[in-house]
Amino acid sequence: MMATQLLDGKIVAEKFLQELRPRLDRPGRPPCVAFLRVGEEASSQFYVARKRAVAESLGIRSLLAHLDRDAAPEIILSQLERWNGDDSIDGILVQAPLPNRQLQELAFAAVDSAKDVDGFHPHNFGLLALDRSDGFVPCTALGILHLLRAYGVELEGRHVAIVGRSTIVGRPLALLLQSRSVNATVSVCHSKSGDLARSLCRSADVVVVAAGSAHLVGPSWIRKGAIVVDVGQTAVTGPDGCRRPVGDVDFAAVAPLCQAITPVPGGVGPMTVAMLMGNVVRAWELARWNGN
């Protein structure tokens, strides 16, 4: 039986953050990122707190605006407009999910594209689709690519199957992996793909699962020797009554088949936060020193 390699996002993310520190050693004010959180969803509270803690550890200043779930769109847009016009703020992040998809898309589009460190503004998404490198790339997609490269995974000419087509992960990742700098061949599966999803995954060299469905992918989806990246994280109650995070992949059943696999937690999550910090520093550099 092959030895499965664990793709440890904590280690790779920490190395990235350490390499980021020298870029912060410049005169004047430090970078600043502003977070907008709407509602009381526990996962959003956790993720924003985690991102702010990492920013603080680097010396990046952070701000938080927390609005009620039923806040009018005008209030949300007004807050973003104030931040857009504040030269002391380099990056703005709207923490997903918002109460509804329409409001979320409205908020993403309201962020100044030069401060859109999450990479969700239509302008930045368009630059990614055009295979241009001058925009901000969504952090999870960028983090997955960085993690695979850190472990020496060759993607050029290889088949990558992505399960999930969200604008947060699946779609931007597909665009990034198809870019001329990566040159992977990409299949995107979704809830309407039916049995085709399993077939495409079984033929893939690399499988990325970002469906938001606990233990969706089992061993029948994965061929021997594949590389699996699990983006999902869902809290489930175990036999002992305790709630623990699990991924979209049945890790215990799938890992023995794999050449390499990410853990949950500790795989993609730390990489997403690290890439966000990289985008914030880049936005700060572009605003103050034209990227030099």
C-alpha atoms as a PDB file:
ATOM      1  CA  MET A   1       0.000   0.000   0.000  1.00  0.00           C
ATOM      2  CA  MET A   2       1.306   3.445  -0.936  1.00  0.00           C
ATOM      3  CA  ALA A   3       2.197   5.985   1.728  1.00  0.00           C
ATOM      4  CA  THR A   4      -0.204   8.927   1.499  1.00  0.00           C
ATOM      5  CA  GLN A   5       1.365  12.381   1.773  1.00  0.00           C
ATOM      6  CA  LEU A   6      -0.489  14.932   3.872  1.00  0.00           C
ATOM      7  CA  LEU A   7      -0.660  18.360   2.233  1.00  0.00           C
ATOM      8  CA  ASP A   8      -0.238  20.437   5.387  1.00  0.00           C
ATOM      9  CA  GLY A   9      -1.605  23.919   4.797  1.00  0.00           C
ATOM     10  CA  LYS A  10      -0.517  25.147   8.228  1.00  0.00           C
ATOM     11  CA  ILE A  11       3.160  24.625   7.455  1.00  0.00           C
ATOM     12  CA  VAL A  12       3.009  26.126   3.964  1.00  0.00           C
ATOM     13  CA  ALA A  13       0.894  29.094   5.109  1.00  0.00           C
ATOM     14  CA  GLU A  14       3.277  29.890   7.963  1.00  0.00           C
ATOM     15  CA  LYS A  15       6.249  29.847   5.573  1.00  0.00           C
ATOM     16  CA  PHE A  16       4.390  32.196   3.216  1.00  0.00           C
ATOM     17  CA  LEU A  17       3.584  34.602   6.053  1.00  0.00           C
ATOM     18  CA  GLN A  18       7.188  34.605   7.244  1.00  0.00           C
ATOM     19  CA  GLU A  19       8.332  35.455   3.716  1.00  0.00           C
ATOM     20  CA  LEU A  20       5.764  38.270   3.658  1.00  0.00           C
ATOM     21  CA  ARG A  21       7.191  40.003   6.747  1.00  0.00           C
ATOM     22  CA  PRO A  22      10.186  41.715   5.089  1.00  0.00           C
ATOM     23  CA  ARG A  23       7.825  43.463   2.660  1.00  0.00           C
ATOM     24  CA  LEU A  24       6.097  45.068   5.644  1.00  0.00           C
ATOM     25  CA  ASP A  25       9.303  46.645   6.926  1.00  0.00           C
ATOM     26  CA  ARG A  26       8.804  49.981   5.217  1.00  0.00           C
ATOM     27  CA  PRO A  27       8.451  53.534   6.543  1.00  0.00           C
ATOM     28  CA  GLY A  28       5.115  55.151   7.201  1.00  0.00           C
ATOM     29  CA  ARG A  29       1.823  53.638   8.184  1.00  0.00           C
ATOM     30  CA  PRO A  30       1.291  49.855   8.049  1.00  0.00           C
ATOM     31  CA  PRO A  31      -1.280  48.212   5.761  1.00  0.00           C
ATOM     32  CA  CYS A  32      -4.910  48.311   6.839  1.00  0.00           C
ATOM     33  CA  VAL A  33      -7.726  45.906   5.961  1.00  0.00           C
ATOM     34  CA  ALA A  34     -11.409  46.480   6.771  1.00  0.00           C
ATOM     35  CA  PHE A  35     -13.865  43.629   7.319  1.00  0.00           C
ATOM     36  CA  LEU A  36     -17.623  43.851   6.855  1.00  0.00           C
ATOM     37  CA  ARG A  37     -19.671  41.164   8.582  1.00  0.00           C
ATOM     38  CA  VAL A  38     -23.473  40.982   8.349  1.00  0.00           C
ATOM     39  CA  GLY A  39     -25.532  38.897  10.764  1.00  0.00           C
ATOM     40  CA  GLU A  40     -24.594  36.458  13.512  1.00  0.00           C
ATOM     41  CA  GLU A  41     -23.555  33.331  11.619  1.00  0.00           C
ATOM     42  CA  ALA A  42     -21.034  31.473  13.777  1.00  0.00           C
ATOM     43  CA  SER A  43     -18.742  30.529  10.896  1.00  0.00           C
ATOM     44  CA  SER A  44     -18.506  34.144   9.739  1.00  0.00           C
ATOM     45  CA  GLN A  45     -17.635  35.285  13.250  1.00  0.00           C
ATOM     46  CA  PHE A  46     -14.930  32.620  13.468  1.00  0.00           C
ATOM     47  CA  TYR A  47     -13.376  33.360  10.084  1.00  0.00           C
ATOM     48  CA  VAL A  48     -13.279  37.120  10.559  1.00  0.00           C
ATOM     49  CA  ALA A  49     -11.733  36.745  14.028  1.00  0.00           C
ATOM     50  CA  ARG A  50      -9.136  34.362  12.622  1.00  0.00           C
ATOM     51  CA  LYS A  51      -8.225  36.666   9.740  1.00  0.00           C
ATOM     52  CA  ARG A  52      -7.947  39.670  12.055  1.00  0.00           C
ATOM     53  CA  ALA A  53      -5.696  37.708  14.433  1.00  0.00           C
ATOM     54  CA  VAL A  54      -3.328  36.750  11.613  1.00  0.00           C
ATOM     55  CA  ALA A  55      -3.306  40.350  10.347  1.00  0.00           C
ATOM     56  CA  GLU A  56      -2.437  41.602  13.840  1.00  0.00           C
ATOM     57  CA  SER A  57       0.402  39.071  14.128  1.00  0.00           C
ATOM     58  CA  LEU A  58       1.933  40.602  10.990  1.00  0.00           C
ATOM     59  CA  GLY A  59       1.450  44.198  12.100  1.00  0.00           C
ATOM     60  CA  ILE A  60      -1.412  44.782   9.656  1.00  0.00           C
ATOM     61  CA  ARG A  61      -4.105  47.031  11.109  1.00  0.00           C
ATOM     62  CA  SER A  62      -7.689  45.798  10.814  1.00  0.00           C
ATOM     63  CA  LEU A  63     -11.133  47.343  11.192  1.00  0.00           C
ATOM     64  CA  LEU A  64     -14.498  45.642  11.619  1.00  0.00           C
ATOM     65  CA  ALA A  65     -18.011  46.829  10.840  1.00  0.00           C
ATOM     66  CA  HIS A  66     -20.672  44.406  12.073  1.00  0.00           C
ATOM     67  CA  LEU A  67     -24.198  45.053  10.809  1.00  0.00           C
ATOM     68  CA  ASP A  68     -27.486  43.368  11.684  1.00  0.00           C
ATOM     69  CA  ARG A  69     -28.762  40.615   9.419  1.00  0.00           C
ATOM     70  CA  ASP A  70     -31.719  42.789   8.430  1.00  0.00           C
ATOM     71  CA  ALA A  71     -29.604  45.873   7.680  1.00  0.00           C
ATOM     72  CA  ALA A  72     -30.877  47.678   4.596  1.00  0.00           C
ATOM     73  CA  PRO A  73     -28.732  47.375   1.469  1.00  0.00           C
ATOM     74  CA  GLU A  74     -28.267  51.154   1.557  1.00  0.00           C
ATOM     75  CA  ILE A  75     -26.556  50.906   4.952  1.00  0.00           C
ATOM     76  CA  ILE A  76     -24.195  48.165   3.745  1.00  0.00           C
ATOM     77  CA  LEU A  77     -23.335  50.059   0.564  1.00  0.00           C
ATOM     78  CA  SER A  78     -22.843  53.294   2.490  1.00  0.00           C
ATOM     79  CA  GLN A  79     -20.297  51.604   4.765  1.00  0.00           C
ATOM     80  CA  LEU A  80     -18.393  50.241   1.780  1.00  0.00           C
ATOM     81  CA  GLU A  81     -18.467  53.630   0.067  1.00  0.00           C
ATOM     82  CA  ARG A  82     -16.904  55.269   3.137  1.00  0.00           C
ATOM     83  CA  TRP A  83     -14.116  52.707   3.165  1.00  0.00           C
ATOM     84  CA  ASN A  84     -13.580  53.071  -0.592  1.00  0.00           C
ATOM     85  CA  GLY A  85     -12.924  56.784  -0.070  1.00  0.00           C
ATOM     86  CA  ASP A  86     -10.620  56.352   2.939  1.00  0.00           C
ATOM     87  CA  ASP A  87      -6.984  56.452   1.820  1.00  0.00           C
ATOM     88  CA  SER A  88      -5.839  54.891   5.091  1.00  0.00           C
ATOM     89  CA  ILE A  89      -7.611  51.627   4.167  1.00  0.00           C
ATOM     90  CA  ASP A  90      -5.830  49.422   1.621  1.00  0.00           C
ATOM     91  CA  GLY A  91      -8.085  46.362   1.505  1.00  0.00           C
ATOM     92  CA  ILE A  92     -11.779  45.662   2.020  1.00  0.00           C
ATOM     93  CA  LEU A  93     -13.307  42.235   2.616  1.00  0.00           C
ATOM     94  CA  VAL A  94     -17.022  41.438   2.703  1.00  0.00           C
ATOM     95  CA  GLN A  95     -17.329  38.213   4.674  1.00  0.00           C
ATOM     96  CA  ALA A  96     -19.522  35.674   2.887  1.00  0.00           C
ATOM     97  CA  PRO A  97     -22.181  34.530   3.151  1.00  0.00           C
ATOM     98  CA  LEU A  98     -24.512  37.505   3.300  1.00  0.00           C
ATOM     99  CA  PRO A  99     -28.240  36.978   3.993  1.00  0.00           C
ATOM    100  CA  ASN A 100     -29.029  36.483   0.303  1.00  0.00           C
ATOM    101  CA  ARG A 101     -27.152  36.000  -2.945  1.00  0.00           C
ATOM    102  CA  GLN A 102     -28.372  39.206  -4.551  1.00  0.00           C
ATOM    103  CA  LEU A 103     -27.161  41.310  -1.623  1.00  0.00           C
ATOM    104  CA  GLN A 104     -23.837  39.470  -1.597  1.00  0.00           C
ATOM    105  CA  GLU A 105     -23.213  40.148  -5.287  1.00  0.00           C
ATOM    106  CA  LEU A 106     -24.226  43.775  -4.792  1.00  0.00           C
ATOM    107  CA  ALA A 107     -21.762  44.158  -1.921  1.00  0.00           C
ATOM    108  CA  PHE A 108     -18.893  42.462  -3.782  1.00  0.00           C
ATOM    109  CA  ALA A 109     -19.411  44.814  -6.732  1.00  0.00           C
ATOM    110  CA  ALA A 110     -19.547  47.879  -4.448  1.00  0.00           C
ATOM    111  CA  VAL A 111     -15.979  47.404  -3.192  1.00  0.00           C
ATOM    112  CA  ASP A 112     -13.359  49.487  -4.987  1.00  0.00           C
ATOM    113  CA  SER A 113     -11.629  46.958  -7.278  1.00  0.00           C
ATOM    114  CA  ALA A 114      -8.233  48.335  -6.168  1.00  0.00           C
ATOM    115  CA  LYS A 115      -9.121  47.403  -2.566  1.00  0.00           C
ATOM    116  CA  ASP A 116     -10.861  44.125  -3.421  1.00  0.00           C
ATOM    117  CA  VAL A 117      -8.424  41.820  -1.615  1.00  0.00           C
ATOM    118  CA  ASP A 118     -10.899  38.922  -1.837  1.00  0.00           C
ATOM    119  CA  GLY A 119     -10.876  39.094  -5.645  1.00  0.00           C
ATOM    120  CA  PHE A 120     -14.664  38.974  -6.061  1.00  0.00           C
ATOM    121  CA  HIS A 121     -15.286  42.298  -7.804  1.00  0.00           C
ATOM    122  CA  PRO A 122     -16.450  41.798 -11.424  1.00  0.00           C
ATOM    123  CA  HIS A 123     -13.408  43.746 -12.628  1.00  0.00           C
ATOM    124  CA  ASN A 124     -10.948  41.423 -10.902  1.00  0.00           C
ATOM    125  CA  PHE A 125     -12.948  38.351 -11.913  1.00  0.00           C
ATOM    126  CA  GLY A 126     -12.816  39.592 -15.495  1.00  0.00           C
ATOM    127  CA  LEU A 127      -9.048  40.058 -15.373  1.00  0.00           C
ATOM    128  CA  LEU A 128      -8.710  36.483 -14.141  1.00  0.00           C
ATOM    129  CA  ALA A 129     -10.933  35.239 -16.970  1.00  0.00           C
ATOM    130  CA  LEU A 130      -8.777  37.171 -19.448  1.00  0.00           C
ATOM    131  CA  ASP A 131      -5.659  35.457 -18.035  1.00  0.00           C
ATOM    132  CA  ARG A 132      -4.199  38.747 -16.826  1.00  0.00           C
ATOM    133  CA  SER A 133      -2.032  38.980 -13.736  1.00  0.00           C
ATOM    134  CA  ASP A 134      -2.780  42.562 -12.699  1.00  0.00           C
ATOM    135  CA  GLY A 135      -5.937  41.846 -10.688  1.00  0.00           C
ATOM    136  CA  PHE A 136      -6.590  40.225  -7.317  1.00  0.00           C
ATOM    137  CA  VAL A 137      -7.226  36.471  -7.418  1.00  0.00           C
ATOM    138  CA  PRO A 138      -9.735  34.944  -4.953  1.00  0.00           C
ATOM    139  CA  CYS A 139      -7.825  33.724  -1.925  1.00  0.00           C
ATOM    140  CA  THR A 140      -8.954  30.089  -1.724  1.00  0.00           C
ATOM    141  CA  ALA A 141      -8.197  29.436  -5.396  1.00  0.00           C
ATOM    142  CA  LEU A 142      -4.802  31.091  -5.054  1.00  0.00           C
ATOM    143  CA  GLY A 143      -4.134  29.180  -1.836  1.00  0.00           C
ATOM    144  CA  ILE A 144      -4.881  25.812  -3.443  1.00  0.00           C
ATOM    145  CA  LEU A 145      -2.458  26.530  -6.292  1.00  0.00           C
ATOM    146  CA  HIS A 146       0.233  27.710  -3.868  1.00  0.00           C
ATOM    147  CA  LEU A 147      -0.211  24.627  -1.689  1.00  0.00           C
ATOM    148  CA  LEU A 148       0.057  22.201  -4.612  1.00  0.00           C
ATOM    149  CA  ARG A 149       3.139  23.961  -5.942  1.00  0.00           C
ATOM    150  CA  ALA A 150       4.746  23.948  -2.494  1.00  0.00           C
ATOM    151  CA  TYR A 151       4.531  20.160  -2.525  1.00  0.00           C
ATOM    152  CA  GLY A 152       5.879  19.910  -6.052  1.00  0.00           C
ATOM    153  CA  VAL A 153       2.616  18.824  -7.686  1.00  0.00           C
ATOM    154  CA  GLU A 154       2.945  19.188 -11.464  1.00  0.00           C
ATOM    155  CA  LEU A 155      -0.277  20.540 -12.960  1.00  0.00           C
ATOM    156  CA  GLU A 156       0.659  21.266 -16.560  1.00  0.00           C
ATOM    157  CA  GLY A 157      -1.190  18.901 -18.892  1.00  0.00           C
ATOM    158  CA  ARG A 158      -2.865  17.059 -16.030  1.00  0.00           C
ATOM    159  CA  HIS A 159      -6.590  16.570 -15.560  1.00  0.00           C
ATOM    160  CA  VAL A 160      -8.074  18.411 -12.585  1.00  0.00           C
ATOM    161  CA  ALA A 161     -11.697  17.754 -11.609  1.00  0.00           C
ATOM    162  CA  ILE A 162     -13.391  20.408  -9.473  1.00  0.00           C
ATOM    163  CA  VAL A 163     -16.564  19.501  -7.600  1.00  0.00           C
ATOM    164  CA  GLY A 164     -18.474  22.756  -7.049  1.00  0.00           C
ATOM    165  CA  ARG A 165     -18.993  25.819  -9.266  1.00  0.00           C
ATOM    166  CA  SER A 166     -19.364  28.637  -6.730  1.00  0.00           C
ATOM    167  CA  THR A 167     -17.977  32.076  -7.507  1.00  0.00           C
ATOM    168  CA  ILE A 168     -16.050  31.817  -4.225  1.00  0.00           C
ATOM    169  CA  VAL A 169     -14.002  28.694  -5.085  1.00  0.00           C
ATOM    170  CA  GLY A 170     -14.965  26.507  -8.052  1.00  0.00           C
ATOM    171  CA  ARG A 171     -15.249  29.056 -10.861  1.00  0.00           C
ATOM    172  CA  PRO A 172     -12.145  31.146 -10.029  1.00  0.00           C
ATOM    173  CA  LEU A 173     -10.099  28.000  -9.409  1.00  0.00           C
ATOM    174  CA  ALA A 174     -11.071  26.630 -12.821  1.00  0.00           C
ATOM    175  CA  LEU A 175      -9.976  29.888 -14.468  1.00  0.00           C
ATOM    176  CA  LEU A 176      -6.702  29.960 -12.530  1.00  0.00           C
ATOM    177  CA  LEU A 177      -5.786  26.350 -13.322  1.00  0.00           C
ATOM    178  CA  GLN A 178      -6.553  26.846 -17.027  1.00  0.00           C
ATOM    179  CA  SER A 179      -4.347  29.941 -17.226  1.00  0.00           C
ATOM    180  CA  ARG A 180      -1.233  29.888 -19.387  1.00  0.00           C
ATOM    181  CA  SER A 181       0.938  29.935 -16.267  1.00  0.00           C
ATOM    182  CA  VAL A 182      -0.574  26.633 -15.048  1.00  0.00           C
ATOM    183  CA  ASN A 183      -1.926  24.839 -18.149  1.00  0.00           C
ATOM    184  CA  ALA A 184      -4.072  22.205 -16.445  1.00  0.00           C
ATOM    185  CA  THR A 185      -7.039  20.574 -18.167  1.00  0.00           C
ATOM    186  CA  VAL A 186     -10.071  21.266 -15.999  1.00  0.00           C
ATOM    187  CA  SER A 187     -13.491  19.646 -15.564  1.00  0.00           C
ATOM    188  CA  VAL A 188     -16.065  21.358 -13.337  1.00  0.00           C
ATOM    189  CA  CYS A 189     -18.810  19.210 -11.776  1.00  0.00           C
ATOM    190  CA  HIS A 190     -21.860  20.402  -9.862  1.00  0.00           C
ATOM    191  CA  SER A 191     -25.133  19.221  -8.329  1.00  0.00           C
ATOM    192  CA  LYS A 192     -26.712  18.652 -11.757  1.00  0.00           C
ATOM    193  CA  SER A 193     -23.826  16.593 -13.126  1.00  0.00           C
ATOM    194  CA  GLY A 194     -25.269  13.366 -11.732  1.00  0.00           C
ATOM    195  CA  ASP A 195     -23.188  10.213 -12.295  1.00  0.00           C
ATOM    196  CA  LEU A 196     -20.920  12.166 -14.640  1.00  0.00           C
ATOM    197  CA  ALA A 197     -19.348  13.861 -11.615  1.00  0.00           C
ATOM    198  CA  ARG A 198     -18.122  10.566 -10.189  1.00  0.00           C
ATOM    199  CA  SER A 199     -16.859   9.449 -13.610  1.00  0.00           C
ATOM    200  CA  LEU A 200     -14.928  12.688 -14.183  1.00  0.00           C
ATOM    201  CA  CYS A 201     -13.385  12.534 -10.722  1.00  0.00           C
ATOM    202  CA  ARG A 202     -12.296   8.927 -11.208  1.00  0.00           C
ATOM    203  CA  SER A 203     -10.434   9.930 -14.384  1.00  0.00           C
ATOM    204  CA  ALA A 204      -8.717  12.931 -12.783  1.00  0.00           C
ATOM    205  CA  ASP A 205      -5.132  13.259 -11.607  1.00  0.00           C
ATOM    206  CA  VAL A 206      -6.178  15.920  -9.093  1.00  0.00           C
ATOM    207  CA  VAL A 207      -9.626  16.249  -7.489  1.00  0.00           C
ATOM    208  CA  VAL A 208     -10.680  19.440  -5.695  1.00  0.00           C
ATOM    209  CA  VAL A 209     -13.911  19.172  -3.724  1.00  0.00           C
ATOM    210  CA  ALA A 210     -15.688  22.413  -2.808  1.00  0.00           C
ATOM    211  CA  ALA A 211     -19.327  21.377  -2.632  1.00  0.00           C
ATOM    212  CA  GLY A 212     -20.163  22.220   0.981  1.00  0.00           C
ATOM    213  CA  SER A 213     -21.577  18.734   1.619  1.00  0.00           C
ATOM    214  CA  ALA A 214     -20.035  16.666   4.398  1.00  0.00           C
ATOM    215  CA  HIS A 215     -18.441  13.397   3.245  1.00  0.00           C
ATOM    216  CA  LEU A 216     -19.923  13.708  -0.250  1.00  0.00           C
ATOM    217  CA  VAL A 217     -16.898  12.090  -1.888  1.00  0.00           C
ATOM    218  CA  GLY A 218     -16.017   8.505  -1.020  1.00  0.00           C
ATOM    219  CA  PRO A 219     -13.505   5.993  -2.406  1.00  0.00           C
ATOM    220  CA  SER A 220     -15.623   5.201  -5.474  1.00  0.00           C
ATOM    221  CA  TRP A 221     -14.944   8.752  -6.708  1.00  0.00           C
ATOM    222  CA  ILE A 222     -11.139   8.574  -6.549  1.00  0.00           C
ATOM    223  CA  ARG A 223      -8.669   6.547  -8.583  1.00  0.00           C
ATOM    224  CA  LYS A 224      -5.579   5.089  -6.944  1.00  0.00           C
ATOM    225  CA  GLY A 225      -2.709   7.560  -6.888  1.00  0.00           C
ATOM    226  CA  ALA A 226      -4.815  10.699  -7.281  1.00  0.00           C
ATOM    227  CA  ILE A 227      -4.238  13.925  -5.362  1.00  0.00           C
ATOM    228  CA  VAL A 228      -7.245  15.210  -3.409  1.00  0.00           C
ATOM    229  CA  VAL A 229      -7.836  18.736  -2.135  1.00  0.00           C
ATOM    230  CA  ASP A 230     -10.766  19.080   0.276  1.00  0.00           C
ATOM    231  CA  VAL A 231     -12.098  22.626   0.581  1.00  0.00           C
ATOM    232  CA  GLY A 232     -15.236  21.765   2.568  1.00  0.00           C
ATOM    233  CA  GLN A 233     -15.652  22.225   6.296  1.00  0.00           C
ATOM    234  CA  THR A 234     -18.916  21.323   7.999  1.00  0.00           C
ATOM    235  CA  ALA A 235     -19.508  20.912  11.730  1.00  0.00           C
ATOM    236  CA  VAL A 236     -21.105  17.536  12.467  1.00  0.00           C
ATOM    237  CA  THR A 237     -22.062  15.853  15.733  1.00  0.00           C
ATOM    238  CA  GLY A 238     -20.118  12.667  16.453  1.00  0.00           C
ATOM    239  CA  PRO A 239     -21.162   9.579  18.440  1.00  0.00           C
ATOM    240  CA  ASP A 240     -19.813  11.261  21.582  1.00  0.00           C
ATOM    241  CA  GLY A 241     -22.144  14.232  21.106  1.00  0.00           C
ATOM    242  CA  CYS A 242     -19.292  16.634  20.287  1.00  0.00           C
ATOM    243  CA  ARG A 243     -19.352  18.764  17.147  1.00  0.00           C
ATOM    244  CA  ARG A 244     -16.268  18.573  14.940  1.00  0.00           C
ATOM    245  CA  PRO A 245     -15.368  19.919  11.491  1.00  0.00           C
ATOM    246  CA  VAL A 246     -15.335  17.408   8.637  1.00  0.00           C
ATOM    247  CA  GLY A 247     -14.621  17.894   4.968  1.00  0.00           C
ATOM    248  CA  ASP A 248     -16.490  17.165   1.775  1.00  0.00           C
ATOM    249  CA  VAL A 249     -14.276  14.075   1.428  1.00  0.00           C
ATOM    250  CA  ASP A 250     -14.575  10.964   3.603  1.00  0.00           C
ATOM    251  CA  PHE A 251     -10.948  11.257   4.675  1.00  0.00           C
ATOM    252  CA  ALA A 252     -10.588   7.894   6.420  1.00  0.00           C
ATOM    253  CA  ALA A 253     -11.947   5.980   3.431  1.00  0.00           C
ATOM    254  CA  VAL A 254     -10.309   8.026   0.670  1.00  0.00           C
ATOM    255  CA  ALA A 255      -6.829   8.785   2.059  1.00  0.00           C
ATOM    256  CA  PRO A 256      -5.427   5.236   1.597  1.00  0.00           C
ATOM    257  CA  LEU A 257      -6.039   5.548  -2.162  1.00  0.00           C
ATOM    258  CA  CYS A 258      -4.314   8.877  -2.575  1.00  0.00           C
ATOM    259  CA  GLN A 259      -0.839   9.960  -3.465  1.00  0.00           C
ATOM    260  CA  ALA A 260      -1.574  13.080  -1.393  1.00  0.00           C
ATOM    261  CA  ILE A 261      -4.551  14.647   0.371  1.00  0.00           C
ATOM    262  CA  THR A 262      -5.346  17.742   2.448  1.00  0.00           C
ATOM    263  CA  PRO A 263      -6.612  17.390   6.026  1.00  0.00           C
ATOM    264  CA  VAL A 264      -9.701  19.134   7.415  1.00  0.00           C
ATOM    265  CA  PRO A 265      -9.046  21.307   9.276  1.00  0.00           C
ATOM    266  CA  GLY A 266      -5.472  22.397   8.562  1.00  0.00           C
ATOM    267  CA  GLY A 267      -5.373  22.071   4.781  1.00  0.00           C
ATOM    268  CA  VAL A 268      -6.932  24.751   2.595  1.00  0.00           C
ATOM    269  CA  GLY A 269      -8.170  27.038   5.383  1.00  0.00           C
ATOM    270  CA  PRO A 270      -4.771  28.377   6.516  1.00  0.00           C
ATOM    271  CA  MET A 271      -3.797  28.895   2.884  1.00  0.00           C
ATOM    272  CA  THR A 272      -6.866  31.059   2.248  1.00  0.00           C
ATOM    273  CA  VAL A 273      -5.953  33.345   5.153  1.00  0.00           C
ATOM    274  CA  ALA A 274      -2.301  33.531   4.081  1.00  0.00           C
ATOM    275  CA  MET A 275      -3.248  34.504   0.515  1.00  0.00           C
ATOM    276  CA  LEU A 276      -5.559  37.192   1.889  1.00  0.00           C
ATOM    277  CA  MET A 277      -2.635  38.706   3.779  1.00  0.00           C
ATOM    278  CA  GLY A 278      -0.580  38.606   0.585  1.00  0.00           C
ATOM    279  CA  ASN A 279      -3.330  40.432  -1.298  1.00  0.00           C
ATOM    280  CA  VAL A 280      -3.590  43.068   1.447  1.00  0.00           C
ATOM    281  CA  VAL A 281       0.150  43.725   1.342  1.00  0.00           C
ATOM    282  CA  ARG A 282       0.047  43.919  -2.462  1.00  0.00           C
ATOM    283  CA  ALA A 283      -2.854  46.409  -2.360  1.00  0.00           C
ATOM    284  CA  TRP A 284      -0.897  48.509   0.152  1.00  0.00           C
ATOM    285  CA  GLU A 285       2.208  48.433  -2.047  1.00  0.00           C
ATOM    286  CA  LEU A 286       0.222  49.387  -5.141  1.00  0.00           C
ATOM    287  CA  ALA A 287      -1.499  52.265  -3.359  1.00  0.00           C
ATOM    288  CA  ARG A 288       1.629  53.720  -1.763  1.00  0.00           C
ATOM    289  CA  TRP A 289       4.559  52.683  -3.927  1.00  0.00           C
ATOM    290  CA  ASN A 290       2.973  51.634  -7.238  1.00  0.00           C
ATOM    291  CA  GLY A 291       3.714  48.005  -6.418  1.00  0.00           C
ATOM    292  CA  ASN A 292       7.487  48.494  -6.006  1.00  0.00           C
END
